[in-house]
Amino acid sequence: MLHIYIDADACPVKDETYKVAQRYGLQVTLVANSFMRIPSGDWIKLVVVDKGLDEADDWIAEQAGKDDIVITGDIPLAARCLDNEARVLGHKGRAFTPDNVTEALATRQLLAQLRDQGIMMGGPPPFAQKDRSLFLQQLDQMVNTIKREQ
């Protein structure tokens, strides 16, 4: 059954995910390194993992499987979940696929090297309302695609 996992510590689209999950009657699991408030209901739960590098990522990668949806901005986690046949959606509405995740990993590595060498400064542009809208649209589309395929 379709389940949504959220890499929750720095996720800016939790509320949007809740709306879509409630619309379709889906279960949601947020995974974080610390406690956070979540809506009440039997459709949603929070898993707090030990504080440590990749603890939340490891938990999500172990749980997410075929036709589950993982919400994350973490490209290495996206790659791991795709290996388990989960669908992955980034915070700005970009769907990660087996066809594009390798390129995303390579770009991430290149940008990290450029920042380390001082050639490139700064990070990505700020999260905007258009990013929220695209995320909502893509999540809705992803849910409908999985439901049709099932």
N, C-alpha and C. Protein backbone atom coordinates (compact mmCIF):
# COMPACT_ATOMS: atom_id res chain seq x y z
N MET A 1 0.83 -1.19 0.00
CA MET A 1 0.00 0.00 0.00
C MET A 1 0.88 1.25 0.00
N LEU A 2 0.47 2.21 -0.75
CA LEU A 2 1.18 3.47 -0.89
C LEU A 2 1.36 4.17 0.46
N HIS A 3 2.59 4.56 0.75
CA HIS A 3 2.94 5.20 2.01
C HIS A 3 3.89 6.35 1.69
N ILE A 4 3.76 7.45 2.38
CA ILE A 4 4.66 8.59 2.17
C ILE A 4 5.60 8.70 3.36
N TYR A 5 6.89 8.76 3.06
CA TYR A 5 7.93 8.98 4.06
C TYR A 5 8.52 10.37 3.83
N ILE A 6 8.67 11.12 4.91
CA ILE A 6 9.24 12.46 4.80
C ILE A 6 10.55 12.53 5.58
N ASP A 7 11.60 12.93 4.90
CA ASP A 7 12.88 13.25 5.54
C ASP A 7 12.64 14.62 6.18
N ALA A 8 12.23 14.62 7.45
CA ALA A 8 11.50 15.75 8.02
C ALA A 8 12.33 16.86 8.63
N ASP A 9 13.57 16.65 8.98
CA ASP A 9 14.31 17.67 9.72
C ASP A 9 14.32 19.04 9.05
N ALA A 10 14.55 19.10 7.77
CA ALA A 10 14.62 20.39 7.09
C ALA A 10 13.60 20.50 5.95
N CYS A 11 12.54 19.73 6.03
CA CYS A 11 11.56 19.69 4.95
C CYS A 11 10.62 20.90 5.00
N PRO A 12 10.61 21.72 3.95
CA PRO A 12 9.74 22.89 3.94
C PRO A 12 8.33 22.63 3.41
N VAL A 13 8.04 21.39 3.02
CA VAL A 13 6.74 21.09 2.39
C VAL A 13 5.95 20.04 3.16
N LYS A 14 6.11 20.01 4.47
CA LYS A 14 5.36 19.05 5.28
C LYS A 14 3.86 19.32 5.19
N ASP A 15 3.46 20.58 5.36
CA ASP A 15 2.03 20.91 5.33
C ASP A 15 1.39 20.54 3.99
N GLU A 16 2.10 20.78 2.91
CA GLU A 16 1.59 20.43 1.58
C GLU A 16 1.42 18.91 1.46
N THR A 17 2.37 18.18 2.01
CA THR A 17 2.30 16.72 1.96
C THR A 17 1.11 16.23 2.77
N TYR A 18 0.87 16.83 3.92
CA TYR A 18 -0.28 16.44 4.75
C TYR A 18 -1.58 16.61 3.97
N LYS A 19 -1.73 17.72 3.26
CA LYS A 19 -2.95 17.99 2.50
C LYS A 19 -3.21 16.90 1.46
N VAL A 20 -2.17 16.56 0.72
CA VAL A 20 -2.33 15.54 -0.32
C VAL A 20 -2.62 14.18 0.32
N ALA A 21 -1.91 13.85 1.38
CA ALA A 21 -2.11 12.56 2.05
C ALA A 21 -3.54 12.44 2.57
N GLN A 22 -4.06 13.49 3.17
CA GLN A 22 -5.42 13.44 3.68
C GLN A 22 -6.44 13.32 2.55
N ARG A 23 -6.18 14.01 1.45
CA ARG A 23 -7.09 13.95 0.30
C ARG A 23 -7.23 12.52 -0.21
N TYR A 24 -6.13 11.76 -0.20
CA TYR A 24 -6.14 10.41 -0.75
C TYR A 24 -6.19 9.32 0.32
N GLY A 25 -6.25 9.71 1.58
CA GLY A 25 -6.31 8.72 2.66
C GLY A 25 -5.03 7.91 2.80
N LEU A 26 -3.88 8.57 2.68
CA LEU A 26 -2.58 7.89 2.73
C LEU A 26 -1.94 8.00 4.11
N GLN A 27 -1.13 7.02 4.43
CA GLN A 27 -0.33 7.03 5.66
C GLN A 27 0.94 7.84 5.42
N VAL A 28 1.35 8.60 6.44
CA VAL A 28 2.56 9.42 6.36
C VAL A 28 3.43 9.13 7.57
N THR A 29 4.72 8.94 7.32
CA THR A 29 5.70 8.80 8.40
C THR A 29 6.76 9.87 8.22
N LEU A 30 6.91 10.70 9.25
CA LEU A 30 7.98 11.69 9.27
C LEU A 30 9.14 11.08 10.05
N VAL A 31 10.34 11.25 9.55
CA VAL A 31 11.53 10.72 10.22
C VAL A 31 12.45 11.89 10.49
N ALA A 32 12.84 12.03 11.77
CA ALA A 32 13.63 13.19 12.17
C ALA A 32 14.59 12.82 13.29
N ASN A 33 15.55 13.69 13.54
CA ASN A 33 16.51 13.51 14.64
C ASN A 33 16.02 14.10 15.94
N SER A 34 14.90 14.81 15.91
CA SER A 34 14.36 15.40 17.14
C SER A 34 12.84 15.48 17.03
N PHE A 35 12.21 15.65 18.18
CA PHE A 35 10.76 15.74 18.23
C PHE A 35 10.27 16.97 17.48
N MET A 36 9.12 16.86 16.84
CA MET A 36 8.46 18.00 16.21
C MET A 36 6.96 17.77 16.28
N ARG A 37 6.23 18.84 16.23
CA ARG A 37 4.78 18.73 16.25
C ARG A 37 4.28 18.22 14.91
N ILE A 38 3.30 17.33 14.99
CA ILE A 38 2.65 16.82 13.79
C ILE A 38 1.14 16.84 14.04
N PRO A 39 0.36 16.82 12.97
CA PRO A 39 -1.09 16.76 13.16
C PRO A 39 -1.47 15.48 13.90
N SER A 40 -2.59 15.51 14.56
CA SER A 40 -3.04 14.30 15.24
C SER A 40 -3.84 13.45 14.26
N GLY A 41 -3.79 12.17 14.48
CA GLY A 41 -4.55 11.24 13.64
C GLY A 41 -3.81 9.94 13.48
N ASP A 42 -4.56 8.92 13.12
CA ASP A 42 -3.93 7.61 12.96
C ASP A 42 -3.28 7.44 11.59
N TRP A 43 -3.36 8.45 10.75
CA TRP A 43 -2.78 8.41 9.41
C TRP A 43 -1.34 8.94 9.38
N ILE A 44 -0.88 9.46 10.53
CA ILE A 44 0.44 10.09 10.53
C ILE A 44 1.20 9.70 11.79
N LYS A 45 2.52 9.49 11.62
CA LYS A 45 3.34 9.21 12.80
C LYS A 45 4.72 9.83 12.62
N LEU A 46 5.37 10.06 13.75
CA LEU A 46 6.72 10.61 13.79
C LEU A 46 7.65 9.57 14.34
N VAL A 47 8.74 9.31 13.63
CA VAL A 47 9.79 8.43 14.11
C VAL A 47 11.01 9.30 14.40
N VAL A 48 11.44 9.31 15.66
CA VAL A 48 12.62 10.07 16.05
C VAL A 48 13.78 9.08 16.15
N VAL A 49 14.79 9.30 15.32
CA VAL A 49 15.96 8.42 15.30
C VAL A 49 17.08 9.06 16.11
N ASP A 50 18.12 8.28 16.39
CA ASP A 50 19.27 8.81 17.11
C ASP A 50 19.89 9.97 16.32
N LYS A 51 20.45 10.92 17.07
CA LYS A 51 21.15 12.02 16.41
C LYS A 51 22.46 11.48 15.86
N GLY A 52 22.64 11.65 14.61
CA GLY A 52 23.86 11.18 13.98
C GLY A 52 23.72 11.32 12.48
N LEU A 53 24.85 11.39 11.84
CA LEU A 53 24.88 11.54 10.40
C LEU A 53 24.16 10.38 9.72
N ASP A 54 23.19 10.66 8.93
CA ASP A 54 22.47 9.68 8.10
C ASP A 54 21.57 8.72 8.86
N GLU A 55 21.31 8.93 10.14
CA GLU A 55 20.42 8.03 10.88
C GLU A 55 19.01 8.04 10.28
N ALA A 56 18.48 9.23 10.01
CA ALA A 56 17.14 9.32 9.42
C ALA A 56 17.15 8.74 8.01
N ASP A 57 18.20 9.04 7.25
CA ASP A 57 18.30 8.51 5.90
C ASP A 57 18.33 6.99 5.90
N ASP A 58 19.11 6.42 6.81
CA ASP A 58 19.20 4.96 6.90
C ASP A 58 17.84 4.35 7.22
N TRP A 59 17.10 4.96 8.14
CA TRP A 59 15.80 4.44 8.53
C TRP A 59 14.84 4.47 7.34
N ILE A 60 14.81 5.60 6.64
CA ILE A 60 13.91 5.74 5.49
C ILE A 60 14.28 4.75 4.40
N ALA A 61 15.57 4.64 4.09
CA ALA A 61 16.02 3.74 3.03
C ALA A 61 15.68 2.28 3.34
N GLU A 62 15.68 1.92 4.61
CA GLU A 62 15.33 0.56 5.00
C GLU A 62 13.83 0.29 4.90
N GLN A 63 13.01 1.32 5.08
CA GLN A 63 11.55 1.14 5.12
C GLN A 63 10.87 1.33 3.77
N ALA A 64 11.31 2.31 3.01
CA ALA A 64 10.62 2.66 1.76
C ALA A 64 10.82 1.58 0.72
N GLY A 65 9.72 1.23 0.07
CA GLY A 65 9.78 0.18 -0.93
C GLY A 65 8.97 0.54 -2.16
N LYS A 66 8.67 -0.47 -2.93
CA LYS A 66 7.99 -0.30 -4.20
C LYS A 66 6.72 0.54 -4.04
N ASP A 67 6.65 1.58 -4.84
CA ASP A 67 5.50 2.47 -4.93
C ASP A 67 5.25 3.32 -3.69
N ASP A 68 6.14 3.31 -2.71
CA ASP A 68 6.07 4.30 -1.65
C ASP A 68 6.63 5.60 -2.21
N ILE A 69 6.32 6.70 -1.55
CA ILE A 69 6.85 8.00 -1.97
C ILE A 69 7.73 8.54 -0.84
N VAL A 70 8.92 8.98 -1.21
CA VAL A 70 9.84 9.59 -0.26
C VAL A 70 10.00 11.05 -0.63
N ILE A 71 9.80 11.93 0.36
CA ILE A 71 9.97 13.36 0.17
C ILE A 71 11.30 13.75 0.80
N THR A 72 12.25 14.19 -0.02
CA THR A 72 13.57 14.55 0.48
C THR A 72 14.28 15.48 -0.49
N GLY A 73 15.19 16.27 0.06
CA GLY A 73 16.09 17.07 -0.75
C GLY A 73 17.48 16.46 -0.79
N ASP A 74 17.64 15.31 -0.16
CA ASP A 74 18.92 14.63 -0.02
C ASP A 74 19.11 13.68 -1.22
N ILE A 75 20.00 14.03 -2.11
CA ILE A 75 20.18 13.26 -3.35
C ILE A 75 20.72 11.86 -3.08
N PRO A 76 21.71 11.67 -2.19
CA PRO A 76 22.13 10.29 -1.91
C PRO A 76 21.00 9.43 -1.34
N LEU A 77 20.16 10.01 -0.49
CA LEU A 77 19.00 9.26 0.01
C LEU A 77 18.04 8.94 -1.14
N ALA A 78 17.83 9.89 -2.02
CA ALA A 78 16.97 9.65 -3.17
C ALA A 78 17.47 8.44 -3.98
N ALA A 79 18.76 8.38 -4.22
CA ALA A 79 19.33 7.26 -4.98
C ALA A 79 19.10 5.93 -4.27
N ARG A 80 19.28 5.91 -2.95
CA ARG A 80 19.07 4.67 -2.19
C ARG A 80 17.61 4.23 -2.26
N CYS A 81 16.70 5.17 -2.16
CA CYS A 81 15.27 4.82 -2.20
C CYS A 81 14.85 4.35 -3.59
N LEU A 82 15.41 4.97 -4.61
CA LEU A 82 15.11 4.52 -5.97
C LEU A 82 15.58 3.09 -6.19
N ASP A 83 16.69 2.72 -5.57
CA ASP A 83 17.18 1.34 -5.66
C ASP A 83 16.16 0.35 -5.09
N ASN A 84 15.33 0.83 -4.14
CA ASN A 84 14.29 -0.01 -3.53
C ASN A 84 12.95 0.13 -4.25
N GLU A 85 12.96 0.79 -5.41
CA GLU A 85 11.77 1.00 -6.24
C GLU A 85 10.75 1.96 -5.65
N ALA A 86 11.18 2.78 -4.68
CA ALA A 86 10.31 3.84 -4.18
C ALA A 86 10.34 4.99 -5.18
N ARG A 87 9.34 5.83 -5.11
CA ARG A 87 9.32 7.07 -5.90
C ARG A 87 9.87 8.16 -4.98
N VAL A 88 10.57 9.14 -5.57
CA VAL A 88 11.20 10.17 -4.76
C VAL A 88 10.88 11.54 -5.35
N LEU A 89 10.48 12.45 -4.47
CA LEU A 89 10.15 13.80 -4.89
C LEU A 89 10.92 14.79 -4.03
N GLY A 90 11.60 15.71 -4.70
CA GLY A 90 12.34 16.76 -4.00
C GLY A 90 11.42 17.86 -3.53
N HIS A 91 11.91 18.70 -2.63
CA HIS A 91 11.10 19.76 -2.03
C HIS A 91 10.58 20.77 -3.03
N LYS A 92 11.29 20.94 -4.12
CA LYS A 92 10.87 21.93 -5.12
C LYS A 92 10.07 21.31 -6.25
N GLY A 93 9.65 20.05 -6.06
CA GLY A 93 8.79 19.41 -7.04
C GLY A 93 9.52 18.62 -8.11
N ARG A 94 10.81 18.43 -7.95
CA ARG A 94 11.57 17.65 -8.92
C ARG A 94 11.49 16.18 -8.54
N ALA A 95 10.99 15.37 -9.46
CA ALA A 95 10.95 13.93 -9.24
C ALA A 95 12.33 13.36 -9.57
N PHE A 96 12.88 12.60 -8.64
CA PHE A 96 14.12 11.89 -8.92
C PHE A 96 13.76 10.55 -9.53
N THR A 97 14.47 10.18 -10.56
CA THR A 97 14.23 8.92 -11.25
C THR A 97 15.56 8.20 -11.45
N PRO A 98 15.51 6.91 -11.78
CA PRO A 98 16.77 6.22 -12.08
C PRO A 98 17.53 6.89 -13.23
N ASP A 99 16.81 7.56 -14.12
CA ASP A 99 17.45 8.22 -15.26
C ASP A 99 18.15 9.53 -14.90
N ASN A 100 17.71 10.22 -13.84
CA ASN A 100 18.31 11.53 -13.56
C ASN A 100 19.09 11.61 -12.24
N VAL A 101 19.00 10.58 -11.40
CA VAL A 101 19.63 10.68 -10.08
C VAL A 101 21.17 10.63 -10.18
N THR A 102 21.70 9.90 -11.12
CA THR A 102 23.16 9.84 -11.27
C THR A 102 23.71 11.21 -11.66
N GLU A 103 23.03 11.88 -12.56
CA GLU A 103 23.44 13.23 -12.95
C GLU A 103 23.32 14.19 -11.76
N ALA A 104 22.26 14.06 -10.97
CA ALA A 104 22.08 14.92 -9.80
C ALA A 104 23.20 14.69 -8.78
N LEU A 105 23.60 13.44 -8.58
CA LEU A 105 24.70 13.14 -7.67
C LEU A 105 26.01 13.75 -8.17
N ALA A 106 26.25 13.64 -9.47
CA ALA A 106 27.48 14.20 -10.05
C ALA A 106 27.50 15.72 -9.93
N THR A 107 26.37 16.36 -10.19
CA THR A 107 26.27 17.81 -10.07
C THR A 107 26.50 18.24 -8.63
N ARG A 108 25.92 17.50 -7.69
CA ARG A 108 26.10 17.80 -6.26
C ARG A 108 27.58 17.74 -5.89
N GLN A 109 28.26 16.71 -6.36
CA GLN A 109 29.69 16.54 -6.07
C GLN A 109 30.51 17.68 -6.68
N LEU A 110 30.22 18.03 -7.92
CA LEU A 110 30.94 19.11 -8.59
C LEU A 110 30.75 20.44 -7.86
N LEU A 111 29.52 20.75 -7.49
CA LEU A 111 29.26 22.00 -6.79
C LEU A 111 29.94 22.04 -5.42
N ALA A 112 29.98 20.91 -4.73
CA ALA A 112 30.67 20.84 -3.44
C ALA A 112 32.17 21.12 -3.63
N GLN A 113 32.76 20.56 -4.69
CA GLN A 113 34.19 20.80 -4.96
C GLN A 113 34.44 22.26 -5.28
N LEU A 114 33.56 22.87 -6.07
CA LEU A 114 33.73 24.28 -6.42
C LEU A 114 33.61 25.17 -5.18
N ARG A 115 32.69 24.85 -4.29
CA ARG A 115 32.55 25.62 -3.05
C ARG A 115 33.78 25.43 -2.17
N ASP A 116 34.29 24.19 -2.07
CA ASP A 116 35.47 23.91 -1.25
C ASP A 116 36.70 24.67 -1.75
N GLN A 117 36.78 24.88 -3.06
CA GLN A 117 37.91 25.58 -3.65
C GLN A 117 37.71 27.09 -3.66
N GLY A 118 36.54 27.54 -3.21
CA GLY A 118 36.27 28.97 -3.18
C GLY A 118 35.92 29.56 -4.53
N ILE A 119 35.71 28.72 -5.52
CA ILE A 119 35.38 29.20 -6.86
C ILE A 119 33.92 29.64 -6.92
N MET A 120 33.10 28.96 -6.18
CA MET A 120 31.68 29.27 -6.18
C MET A 120 31.24 29.53 -4.75
N MET A 121 30.49 30.58 -4.57
CA MET A 121 30.01 30.91 -3.22
C MET A 121 28.49 30.88 -3.22
N GLY A 122 27.93 30.71 -2.05
CA GLY A 122 26.47 30.74 -1.92
C GLY A 122 25.85 29.38 -2.17
N GLY A 123 24.57 29.35 -1.99
CA GLY A 123 23.83 28.10 -2.16
C GLY A 123 22.72 28.26 -3.16
N PRO A 124 21.74 27.40 -3.06
CA PRO A 124 20.63 27.46 -4.00
C PRO A 124 19.75 28.69 -3.73
N PRO A 125 18.93 29.05 -4.71
CA PRO A 125 18.02 30.18 -4.49
C PRO A 125 17.03 29.87 -3.37
N PRO A 126 16.48 30.90 -2.73
CA PRO A 126 15.53 30.67 -1.64
C PRO A 126 14.29 29.91 -2.11
N PHE A 127 13.70 29.20 -1.19
CA PHE A 127 12.48 28.45 -1.45
C PHE A 127 11.35 29.45 -1.66
N ALA A 128 10.60 29.33 -2.76
CA ALA A 128 9.58 30.31 -3.12
C ALA A 128 8.19 29.67 -3.20
N GLN A 129 7.18 30.51 -3.28
CA GLN A 129 5.79 30.02 -3.39
C GLN A 129 5.61 29.16 -4.64
N LYS A 130 6.28 29.52 -5.74
CA LYS A 130 6.15 28.72 -6.96
C LYS A 130 6.70 27.30 -6.74
N ASP A 131 7.71 27.18 -5.86
CA ASP A 131 8.24 25.86 -5.53
C ASP A 131 7.19 25.03 -4.80
N ARG A 132 6.46 25.65 -3.88
CA ARG A 132 5.38 24.96 -3.16
C ARG A 132 4.31 24.48 -4.13
N SER A 133 3.94 25.35 -5.05
CA SER A 133 2.90 25.01 -6.02
C SER A 133 3.33 23.85 -6.91
N LEU A 134 4.56 23.90 -7.38
CA LEU A 134 5.07 22.81 -8.23
C LEU A 134 5.15 21.51 -7.43
N PHE A 135 5.59 21.60 -6.19
CA PHE A 135 5.65 20.41 -5.34
C PHE A 135 4.27 19.79 -5.19
N LEU A 136 3.26 20.59 -4.86
CA LEU A 136 1.90 20.07 -4.70
C LEU A 136 1.41 19.39 -5.97
N GLN A 137 1.64 20.04 -7.09
CA GLN A 137 1.21 19.49 -8.38
C GLN A 137 1.90 18.16 -8.66
N GLN A 138 3.21 18.10 -8.44
CA GLN A 138 3.96 16.88 -8.73
C GLN A 138 3.61 15.74 -7.77
N LEU A 139 3.40 16.07 -6.49
CA LEU A 139 3.02 15.03 -5.53
C LEU A 139 1.65 14.46 -5.88
N ASP A 140 0.72 15.31 -6.19
CA ASP A 140 -0.61 14.85 -6.59
C ASP A 140 -0.52 13.95 -7.82
N GLN A 141 0.27 14.37 -8.78
CA GLN A 141 0.45 13.58 -10.02
C GLN A 141 1.11 12.24 -9.71
N MET A 142 2.10 12.23 -8.83
CA MET A 142 2.81 11.00 -8.48
C MET A 142 1.86 10.01 -7.80
N VAL A 143 1.05 10.51 -6.87
CA VAL A 143 0.08 9.65 -6.19
C VAL A 143 -0.88 9.04 -7.20
N ASN A 144 -1.41 9.87 -8.10
CA ASN A 144 -2.35 9.37 -9.10
C ASN A 144 -1.71 8.36 -10.05
N THR A 145 -0.47 8.57 -10.41
CA THR A 145 0.24 7.62 -11.27
C THR A 145 0.38 6.27 -10.58
N ILE A 146 0.79 6.28 -9.33
CA ILE A 146 0.94 5.02 -8.58
C ILE A 146 -0.40 4.32 -8.44
N LYS A 147 -1.44 5.05 -8.12
CA LYS A 147 -2.78 4.45 -7.97
C LYS A 147 -3.24 3.81 -9.28
N ARG A 148 -3.00 4.48 -10.41
CA ARG A 148 -3.37 3.90 -11.71
C ARG A 148 -2.60 2.62 -11.99
N GLU A 149 -1.32 2.63 -11.65
CA GLU A 149 -0.47 1.46 -11.92
C GLU A 149 -0.82 0.28 -11.03
N GLN A 150 -1.39 0.56 -9.85
CA GLN A 150 -1.74 -0.53 -8.94
C GLN A 150 -3.03 -1.15 -9.42
